[in-house]
């Protein structure tokens, strides 16, 4: 039993893709809801990175990195980060949805997707569930 637990540390459940998301982030939770609605594979395993059991299952992943960008981990322990994690989610979809993953083969697309992902992720706490920057209160002089 203990060795069975040790074998699963750092890996998603068999046949699944673990998606480690920031449950304290409004935009991240809304994005995960979108992934759930989009998913037709039944292979997504969403996990809040703030859950102690999740942290124990993926001890090699550092919290500061997890807070920086979305992480996805497959059943073999391969880690995908940021835009590449989104690509892996797409790659696992059935039918036409899965073909969206091929966008990454268009020259420059992966670079552009990664750059845009990092730009938005860097300001995610200032954004609402739709990804729009929250309005700042007006300051009086």
N, C-alpha and C. Protein backbone atom coordinates (compact mmCIF):
# COMPACT_ATOMS: atom_id res chain seq x y z
N UNK A 1 0.83 -1.20 0.00
CA UNK A 1 0.00 0.00 0.00
C UNK A 1 0.86 1.25 0.00
N UNK A 2 1.92 1.27 0.82
CA UNK A 2 2.80 2.43 0.88
C UNK A 2 3.53 2.62 -0.44
N UNK A 3 3.96 1.52 -1.08
CA UNK A 3 4.67 1.66 -2.36
C UNK A 3 3.70 2.11 -3.45
N UNK A 4 2.44 1.73 -3.35
CA UNK A 4 1.43 2.18 -4.32
C UNK A 4 1.28 3.70 -4.22
N UNK A 5 1.28 4.23 -2.99
CA UNK A 5 1.20 5.68 -2.79
C UNK A 5 2.45 6.35 -3.33
N UNK A 6 3.61 5.77 -3.06
CA UNK A 6 4.87 6.34 -3.51
C UNK A 6 4.93 6.39 -5.03
N UNK A 7 4.38 5.40 -5.71
CA UNK A 7 4.37 5.37 -7.17
C UNK A 7 3.49 6.45 -7.76
N UNK A 8 2.47 6.90 -7.02
CA UNK A 8 1.55 7.92 -7.56
C UNK A 8 1.99 9.34 -7.25
N UNK A 9 3.01 9.52 -6.39
CA UNK A 9 3.48 10.85 -6.05
C UNK A 9 4.10 11.47 -7.30
N UNK A 10 3.69 12.71 -7.59
CA UNK A 10 4.22 13.42 -8.74
C UNK A 10 3.56 13.08 -10.05
N UNK A 11 2.47 12.32 -10.00
CA UNK A 11 1.78 11.90 -11.22
C UNK A 11 0.28 12.11 -11.09
N UNK A 12 -0.37 12.30 -12.23
CA UNK A 12 -1.82 12.35 -12.25
C UNK A 12 -2.37 10.94 -12.05
N UNK A 13 -3.63 10.84 -11.73
CA UNK A 13 -4.28 9.53 -11.64
C UNK A 13 -4.19 8.85 -13.00
N UNK A 14 -4.19 7.51 -13.04
CA UNK A 14 -4.07 6.81 -14.31
C UNK A 14 -5.12 7.29 -15.34
N UNK A 15 -4.63 7.61 -16.55
CA UNK A 15 -5.50 8.04 -17.63
C UNK A 15 -5.95 9.49 -17.54
N UNK A 16 -5.43 10.24 -16.57
CA UNK A 16 -5.88 11.62 -16.35
C UNK A 16 -4.75 12.61 -16.60
N UNK A 17 -5.14 13.87 -16.70
CA UNK A 17 -4.21 14.99 -16.74
C UNK A 17 -4.55 15.87 -15.55
N UNK A 18 -3.65 15.93 -14.57
CA UNK A 18 -3.88 16.77 -13.39
C UNK A 18 -3.66 18.22 -13.79
N UNK A 19 -4.62 19.06 -13.48
CA UNK A 19 -4.52 20.49 -13.77
C UNK A 19 -4.44 21.20 -12.43
N UNK A 20 -3.26 21.74 -12.12
CA UNK A 20 -3.04 22.43 -10.85
C UNK A 20 -3.30 23.91 -11.07
N UNK A 21 -4.38 24.39 -10.48
CA UNK A 21 -4.80 25.77 -10.68
C UNK A 21 -4.84 26.51 -9.34
N UNK A 22 -4.83 27.83 -9.40
CA UNK A 22 -4.85 28.67 -8.21
C UNK A 22 -6.30 28.95 -7.82
N UNK A 23 -6.78 28.23 -6.84
CA UNK A 23 -8.17 28.37 -6.39
C UNK A 23 -8.46 29.69 -5.70
N UNK A 24 -7.41 30.48 -5.37
CA UNK A 24 -7.63 31.78 -4.74
C UNK A 24 -7.76 32.89 -5.78
N UNK A 25 -7.64 32.55 -7.04
CA UNK A 25 -7.66 33.52 -8.14
C UNK A 25 -9.01 33.42 -8.86
N UNK A 26 -9.73 34.53 -8.88
CA UNK A 26 -11.05 34.58 -9.52
C UNK A 26 -10.97 34.19 -10.99
N UNK A 27 -10.01 34.75 -11.72
CA UNK A 27 -9.87 34.45 -13.13
C UNK A 27 -9.47 32.99 -13.36
N UNK A 28 -8.63 32.44 -12.47
CA UNK A 28 -8.19 31.05 -12.60
C UNK A 28 -9.37 30.09 -12.41
N UNK A 29 -10.21 30.39 -11.42
CA UNK A 29 -11.39 29.54 -11.19
C UNK A 29 -12.33 29.59 -12.39
N UNK A 30 -12.54 30.78 -12.94
CA UNK A 30 -13.40 30.93 -14.11
C UNK A 30 -12.80 30.20 -15.31
N UNK A 31 -11.48 30.27 -15.46
CA UNK A 31 -10.81 29.56 -16.55
C UNK A 31 -10.99 28.05 -16.40
N UNK A 32 -10.90 27.57 -15.17
CA UNK A 32 -11.09 26.14 -14.94
C UNK A 32 -12.53 25.74 -15.27
N UNK A 33 -13.50 26.59 -14.93
CA UNK A 33 -14.89 26.31 -15.31
C UNK A 33 -15.00 26.20 -16.82
N UNK A 34 -14.30 27.07 -17.55
CA UNK A 34 -14.29 27.01 -19.00
C UNK A 34 -13.68 25.71 -19.51
N UNK A 35 -12.60 25.28 -18.88
CA UNK A 35 -11.97 24.00 -19.25
C UNK A 35 -12.95 22.86 -19.02
N UNK A 36 -13.65 22.88 -17.90
CA UNK A 36 -14.62 21.81 -17.61
C UNK A 36 -15.71 21.76 -18.67
N UNK A 37 -16.20 22.93 -19.10
CA UNK A 37 -17.25 22.98 -20.11
C UNK A 37 -16.72 22.54 -21.47
N UNK A 38 -15.48 22.90 -21.78
CA UNK A 38 -14.87 22.58 -23.07
C UNK A 38 -14.50 21.10 -23.16
N UNK A 39 -14.10 20.51 -22.04
CA UNK A 39 -13.57 19.15 -22.01
C UNK A 39 -14.60 18.13 -22.48
N UNK A 40 -14.23 17.35 -23.49
CA UNK A 40 -15.07 16.24 -23.91
C UNK A 40 -14.34 14.91 -23.75
N UNK A 41 -13.19 14.96 -23.07
CA UNK A 41 -12.37 13.76 -22.92
C UNK A 41 -12.66 13.00 -21.63
N UNK A 42 -13.12 13.71 -20.60
CA UNK A 42 -13.29 13.08 -19.29
C UNK A 42 -11.96 12.74 -18.64
N UNK A 43 -10.86 13.32 -19.15
CA UNK A 43 -9.53 12.98 -18.66
C UNK A 43 -8.90 14.09 -17.81
N UNK A 44 -9.64 15.15 -17.55
CA UNK A 44 -9.08 16.26 -16.78
C UNK A 44 -9.30 16.01 -15.28
N UNK A 45 -8.27 16.30 -14.49
CA UNK A 45 -8.30 16.12 -13.04
C UNK A 45 -7.92 17.47 -12.41
N UNK A 46 -8.90 18.38 -12.25
CA UNK A 46 -8.58 19.69 -11.69
C UNK A 46 -8.26 19.60 -10.20
N UNK A 47 -7.16 20.25 -9.80
CA UNK A 47 -6.70 20.20 -8.42
C UNK A 47 -6.28 21.60 -7.98
N UNK A 48 -6.84 22.06 -6.87
CA UNK A 48 -6.48 23.37 -6.33
C UNK A 48 -5.10 23.27 -5.68
N UNK A 49 -4.15 24.05 -6.15
CA UNK A 49 -2.78 23.97 -5.65
C UNK A 49 -2.66 24.38 -4.19
N UNK A 50 -3.70 25.00 -3.61
CA UNK A 50 -3.66 25.39 -2.20
C UNK A 50 -4.09 24.25 -1.27
N UNK A 51 -4.59 23.15 -1.82
CA UNK A 51 -5.01 21.99 -1.04
C UNK A 51 -3.75 21.23 -0.57
N UNK A 52 -3.66 20.97 0.73
CA UNK A 52 -2.49 20.29 1.29
C UNK A 52 -2.27 18.91 0.68
N UNK A 53 -3.33 18.18 0.39
CA UNK A 53 -3.19 16.85 -0.23
C UNK A 53 -2.60 16.96 -1.63
N UNK A 54 -2.96 18.00 -2.35
CA UNK A 54 -2.42 18.23 -3.69
C UNK A 54 -0.93 18.53 -3.58
N UNK A 55 -0.55 19.40 -2.66
CA UNK A 55 0.87 19.73 -2.47
C UNK A 55 1.66 18.49 -2.08
N UNK A 56 1.06 17.59 -1.27
CA UNK A 56 1.75 16.36 -0.88
C UNK A 56 1.91 15.42 -2.07
N UNK A 57 0.96 15.45 -2.99
CA UNK A 57 1.02 14.57 -4.16
C UNK A 57 2.06 15.05 -5.17
N UNK A 58 2.34 16.36 -5.18
CA UNK A 58 3.29 16.94 -6.13
C UNK A 58 4.36 17.74 -5.38
N UNK A 59 5.12 17.08 -4.49
CA UNK A 59 6.08 17.82 -3.65
C UNK A 59 7.22 18.46 -4.43
N UNK A 60 7.54 17.95 -5.62
CA UNK A 60 8.65 18.50 -6.39
C UNK A 60 8.31 19.83 -7.07
N UNK A 61 7.01 20.16 -7.14
CA UNK A 61 6.60 21.41 -7.76
C UNK A 61 6.62 22.52 -6.70
N UNK A 62 7.37 23.54 -6.96
CA UNK A 62 7.52 24.65 -6.01
C UNK A 62 6.33 25.60 -6.09
N UNK A 63 5.86 26.02 -4.92
CA UNK A 63 4.68 26.88 -4.84
C UNK A 63 4.85 28.16 -5.67
N UNK A 64 6.03 28.78 -5.63
CA UNK A 64 6.21 30.02 -6.39
C UNK A 64 6.04 29.79 -7.89
N UNK A 65 6.44 28.63 -8.39
CA UNK A 65 6.24 28.30 -9.80
C UNK A 65 4.77 28.01 -10.10
N UNK A 66 4.11 27.32 -9.18
CA UNK A 66 2.69 27.02 -9.37
C UNK A 66 1.86 28.29 -9.39
N UNK A 67 2.25 29.27 -8.58
CA UNK A 67 1.52 30.53 -8.54
C UNK A 67 1.80 31.40 -9.77
N UNK A 68 2.87 31.12 -10.45
CA UNK A 68 3.27 31.89 -11.63
C UNK A 68 2.44 31.53 -12.86
N UNK A 69 2.16 30.23 -13.04
CA UNK A 69 1.42 29.80 -14.22
C UNK A 69 0.78 28.43 -13.99
N UNK A 70 -0.23 28.15 -14.78
CA UNK A 70 -0.94 26.88 -14.73
C UNK A 70 0.04 25.73 -14.97
N UNK A 71 -0.14 24.66 -14.22
CA UNK A 71 0.66 23.46 -14.41
C UNK A 71 -0.29 22.29 -14.69
N UNK A 72 0.11 21.44 -15.61
CA UNK A 72 -0.60 20.19 -15.87
C UNK A 72 0.42 19.06 -15.77
N UNK A 73 0.03 17.98 -15.15
CA UNK A 73 0.93 16.85 -14.95
C UNK A 73 0.21 15.60 -15.43
N UNK A 74 0.89 14.80 -16.27
CA UNK A 74 0.25 13.59 -16.78
C UNK A 74 0.51 12.40 -15.88
N UNK A 75 -0.01 11.25 -16.27
CA UNK A 75 0.10 10.05 -15.44
C UNK A 75 1.52 9.50 -15.37
N UNK A 76 2.41 10.01 -16.23
CA UNK A 76 3.82 9.60 -16.19
C UNK A 76 4.70 10.59 -15.44
N UNK A 77 4.09 11.69 -14.96
CA UNK A 77 4.82 12.68 -14.20
C UNK A 77 5.40 13.81 -15.05
N UNK A 78 5.09 13.84 -16.36
CA UNK A 78 5.55 14.95 -17.20
C UNK A 78 4.78 16.21 -16.83
N UNK A 79 5.50 17.31 -16.72
CA UNK A 79 4.92 18.58 -16.30
C UNK A 79 4.85 19.53 -17.49
N UNK A 80 3.70 20.15 -17.67
CA UNK A 80 3.47 21.14 -18.72
C UNK A 80 3.09 22.43 -18.02
N UNK A 81 3.68 23.56 -18.47
CA UNK A 81 3.46 24.83 -17.79
C UNK A 81 2.89 25.87 -18.74
N UNK A 82 2.04 26.75 -18.19
CA UNK A 82 1.54 27.89 -18.94
C UNK A 82 0.79 27.53 -20.21
N UNK A 83 1.16 28.19 -21.31
CA UNK A 83 0.49 27.95 -22.59
C UNK A 83 0.67 26.50 -23.03
N UNK A 84 1.79 25.90 -22.69
CA UNK A 84 2.01 24.49 -23.06
C UNK A 84 1.04 23.58 -22.32
N UNK A 85 0.64 23.96 -21.10
CA UNK A 85 -0.38 23.19 -20.37
C UNK A 85 -1.71 23.28 -21.09
N UNK A 86 -2.04 24.47 -21.60
CA UNK A 86 -3.28 24.64 -22.37
C UNK A 86 -3.23 23.76 -23.61
N UNK A 87 -2.08 23.73 -24.28
CA UNK A 87 -1.92 22.89 -25.46
C UNK A 87 -2.15 21.42 -25.12
N UNK A 88 -1.65 20.99 -23.97
CA UNK A 88 -1.81 19.59 -23.57
C UNK A 88 -3.28 19.27 -23.27
N UNK A 89 -3.99 20.22 -22.69
CA UNK A 89 -5.43 20.04 -22.44
C UNK A 89 -6.15 19.88 -23.79
N UNK A 90 -5.82 20.73 -24.74
CA UNK A 90 -6.43 20.65 -26.08
C UNK A 90 -6.09 19.33 -26.76
N UNK A 91 -4.83 18.92 -26.65
CA UNK A 91 -4.36 17.70 -27.31
C UNK A 91 -5.16 16.46 -26.87
N UNK A 92 -5.68 16.49 -25.67
CA UNK A 92 -6.40 15.33 -25.14
C UNK A 92 -7.89 15.32 -25.46
N UNK A 93 -8.36 16.34 -26.15
CA UNK A 93 -9.78 16.40 -26.50
C UNK A 93 -10.08 15.50 -27.69
N UNK A 94 -11.31 15.03 -27.76
CA UNK A 94 -11.74 14.19 -28.87
C UNK A 94 -12.28 15.07 -30.00
N UNK A 95 -12.20 14.55 -31.21
CA UNK A 95 -12.81 15.21 -32.36
C UNK A 95 -12.13 16.52 -32.73
N UNK A 96 -12.91 17.44 -33.27
CA UNK A 96 -12.39 18.71 -33.76
C UNK A 96 -11.69 19.52 -32.68
N UNK A 97 -12.16 19.44 -31.46
CA UNK A 97 -11.54 20.20 -30.37
C UNK A 97 -10.06 19.83 -30.22
N UNK A 98 -9.75 18.58 -30.41
CA UNK A 98 -8.37 18.12 -30.29
C UNK A 98 -7.46 18.69 -31.36
N UNK A 99 -8.03 19.02 -32.51
CA UNK A 99 -7.22 19.58 -33.60
C UNK A 99 -6.70 20.98 -33.28
N UNK A 100 -7.31 21.66 -32.32
CA UNK A 100 -6.82 22.98 -31.92
C UNK A 100 -5.38 22.92 -31.40
N UNK A 101 -4.98 21.76 -30.88
CA UNK A 101 -3.62 21.60 -30.38
C UNK A 101 -2.60 21.76 -31.49
N UNK A 102 -2.99 21.52 -32.72
CA UNK A 102 -2.05 21.62 -33.84
C UNK A 102 -1.68 23.06 -34.16
N UNK A 103 -2.39 24.03 -33.59
CA UNK A 103 -2.01 25.43 -33.79
C UNK A 103 -0.57 25.67 -33.35
N UNK A 104 -0.10 24.90 -32.36
CA UNK A 104 1.25 25.07 -31.83
C UNK A 104 2.31 24.74 -32.89
N UNK A 105 1.92 24.07 -33.97
CA UNK A 105 2.88 23.74 -35.03
C UNK A 105 3.01 24.85 -36.08
N UNK A 106 2.14 25.84 -36.02
CA UNK A 106 2.25 26.98 -36.92
C UNK A 106 3.45 27.81 -36.45
N UNK A 107 4.38 28.10 -37.35
CA UNK A 107 5.57 28.86 -36.93
C UNK A 107 5.20 30.15 -36.19
N UNK A 108 5.79 30.31 -35.02
CA UNK A 108 5.57 31.49 -34.20
C UNK A 108 4.39 31.40 -33.25
N UNK A 109 3.48 30.46 -33.47
CA UNK A 109 2.28 30.39 -32.63
C UNK A 109 2.61 30.04 -31.18
N UNK A 110 3.46 29.06 -30.96
CA UNK A 110 3.80 28.65 -29.59
C UNK A 110 4.44 29.81 -28.84
N UNK A 111 5.33 30.54 -29.51
CA UNK A 111 5.98 31.69 -28.89
C UNK A 111 4.96 32.75 -28.53
N UNK A 112 4.06 33.05 -29.47
CA UNK A 112 3.03 34.06 -29.24
C UNK A 112 2.08 33.64 -28.12
N UNK A 113 1.66 32.38 -28.13
CA UNK A 113 0.75 31.87 -27.09
C UNK A 113 1.41 31.96 -25.72
N UNK A 114 2.68 31.59 -25.64
CA UNK A 114 3.40 31.65 -24.36
C UNK A 114 3.55 33.09 -23.88
N UNK A 115 3.89 33.98 -24.79
CA UNK A 115 4.06 35.39 -24.43
C UNK A 115 2.74 35.99 -23.92
N UNK A 116 1.65 35.72 -24.63
CA UNK A 116 0.34 36.24 -24.23
C UNK A 116 -0.10 35.62 -22.90
N UNK A 117 0.12 34.32 -22.74
CA UNK A 117 -0.24 33.65 -21.49
C UNK A 117 0.48 34.32 -20.32
N UNK A 118 1.79 34.51 -20.44
CA UNK A 118 2.57 35.10 -19.34
C UNK A 118 2.14 36.52 -19.04
N UNK A 119 1.78 37.28 -20.07
CA UNK A 119 1.34 38.67 -19.87
C UNK A 119 0.07 38.71 -19.04
N UNK A 120 -0.87 37.85 -19.37
CA UNK A 120 -2.14 37.82 -18.64
C UNK A 120 -1.95 37.22 -17.24
N UNK A 121 -1.18 36.14 -17.14
CA UNK A 121 -0.96 35.48 -15.84
C UNK A 121 -0.29 36.42 -14.85
N UNK A 122 0.58 37.29 -15.32
CA UNK A 122 1.30 38.20 -14.42
C UNK A 122 0.36 39.19 -13.73
N UNK A 123 -0.80 39.42 -14.33
CA UNK A 123 -1.74 40.40 -13.74
C UNK A 123 -3.07 39.74 -13.35
N UNK A 124 -3.07 38.44 -13.17
CA UNK A 124 -4.35 37.74 -12.96
C UNK A 124 -5.09 38.15 -11.69
N UNK A 125 -4.37 38.58 -10.66
CA UNK A 125 -5.06 38.98 -9.42
C UNK A 125 -5.74 40.33 -9.57
N UNK A 126 -5.35 41.09 -10.58
CA UNK A 126 -5.99 42.38 -10.86
C UNK A 126 -7.12 42.24 -11.86
N UNK A 127 -7.42 41.00 -12.26
CA UNK A 127 -8.44 40.76 -13.28
C UNK A 127 -9.68 40.10 -12.68
N UNK A 128 -10.83 40.33 -13.33
CA UNK A 128 -12.06 39.69 -12.89
C UNK A 128 -12.18 38.31 -13.54
N UNK A 129 -13.28 37.64 -13.32
CA UNK A 129 -13.48 36.28 -13.83
C UNK A 129 -13.42 36.21 -15.35
N UNK A 130 -13.76 37.31 -16.03
CA UNK A 130 -13.73 37.35 -17.49
C UNK A 130 -12.35 37.73 -18.03
N UNK A 131 -11.41 38.00 -17.14
CA UNK A 131 -10.06 38.36 -17.57
C UNK A 131 -9.85 39.84 -17.79
N UNK A 132 -10.88 40.64 -17.55
CA UNK A 132 -10.75 42.10 -17.70
C UNK A 132 -10.10 42.69 -16.46
N UNK A 133 -9.25 43.69 -16.67
CA UNK A 133 -8.62 44.37 -15.56
C UNK A 133 -9.71 45.06 -14.75
N UNK A 134 -9.69 44.81 -13.43
CA UNK A 134 -10.69 45.43 -12.55
C UNK A 134 -10.46 46.93 -12.53
N UNK A 135 -11.54 47.68 -12.47
CA UNK A 135 -11.39 49.13 -12.49
C UNK A 135 -10.78 49.61 -11.18
N UNK A 136 -9.93 50.58 -11.30
CA UNK A 136 -9.26 51.17 -10.16
C UNK A 136 -10.15 52.28 -9.59
N UNK A 137 -10.26 52.41 -8.26
CA UNK A 137 -11.02 53.51 -7.70
C UNK A 137 -10.33 54.83 -8.02
N UNK A 138 -11.10 55.85 -8.31
CA UNK A 138 -10.55 57.15 -8.61
C UNK A 138 -9.96 57.77 -7.35
N UNK A 139 -8.78 58.37 -7.50
CA UNK A 139 -8.14 59.01 -6.36
C UNK A 139 -8.33 60.50 -6.47
N UNK A 140 -8.66 61.08 -5.35
CA UNK A 140 -8.82 62.53 -5.32
C UNK A 140 -7.49 63.17 -4.99
N UNK A 141 -7.23 64.32 -5.63
CA UNK A 141 -5.97 65.02 -5.39
C UNK A 141 -6.07 65.96 -4.25
